Amino acid sequence: MVEPFLRFSRQEHCFSGDTPPESRLGHLVLILQHSISAWVTVGITFFIR
């Protein structure tokens, strides 16, 4: 779970120069996807219990 997030933060450092709005939107989508997958896994673990 942590690995993709670390990879993403590393990417962010690479793009920290001057970023067009499109890539910023892409980063936001990636963050949303990561948080959604995290919530889904949490929900599944609670559901299994």
Protein backbone atom coordinates (compact mmCIF):
# COMPACT_ATOMS: atom_id res chain seq x y z
CA MET A 1 0.00 0.00 0.00
CA VAL A 2 2.79 2.43 0.92
CA GLU A 3 4.95 1.71 -2.15
CA PRO A 4 2.81 3.47 -4.81
CA PHE A 5 2.48 6.50 -2.54
CA LEU A 6 6.25 6.74 -2.12
CA ARG A 7 6.71 6.39 -5.86
CA PHE A 8 4.14 9.16 -6.37
CA SER A 9 5.85 11.55 -3.94
CA ARG A 10 9.14 10.91 -5.71
CA GLN A 11 7.46 11.81 -9.01
CA GLU A 12 6.13 15.00 -7.45
CA HIS A 13 9.67 16.06 -6.52
CA CYS A 14 10.74 15.55 -10.14
CA PHE A 15 7.91 17.77 -11.38
CA SER A 16 8.26 20.40 -8.64
CA GLY A 17 9.68 22.83 -11.22
CA ASP A 18 6.96 24.54 -13.19
CA THR A 19 3.95 22.39 -13.72
CA PRO A 20 1.11 22.95 -16.17
CA PRO A 21 -2.45 22.69 -14.79
CA GLU A 22 -3.01 19.41 -16.65
CA SER A 23 -0.27 17.57 -14.78
CA ARG A 24 -1.49 19.11 -11.52
CA LEU A 25 -4.93 17.70 -12.26
CA GLY A 26 -3.31 14.34 -13.02
CA HIS A 27 -1.56 14.42 -9.63
CA LEU A 28 -4.87 15.21 -7.94
CA VAL A 29 -6.50 12.26 -9.71
CA LEU A 30 -3.63 10.01 -8.62
CA ILE A 31 -4.01 11.17 -5.00
CA LEU A 32 -7.76 10.52 -5.21
CA GLN A 33 -7.19 7.05 -6.64
CA HIS A 34 -4.71 6.23 -3.87
CA SER A 35 -7.08 7.43 -1.14
CA ILE A 36 -10.02 5.57 -2.72
CA SER A 37 -8.04 2.32 -2.85
CA ALA A 38 -6.98 2.86 0.77
CA TRP A 39 -10.61 3.41 1.86
CA VAL A 40 -11.72 0.34 -0.12
CA THR A 41 -9.12 -1.86 1.59
CA VAL A 42 -10.12 -0.48 5.00
CA GLY A 43 -13.79 -1.09 4.21
CA ILE A 44 -13.06 -4.65 3.06
CA THR A 45 -11.07 -5.46 6.20
CA PHE A 46 -13.88 -4.14 8.41
CA PHE A 47 -16.46 -6.01 6.33
CA ILE A 48 -14.55 -9.30 6.69
CA ARG A 49 -14.53 -8.88 10.45
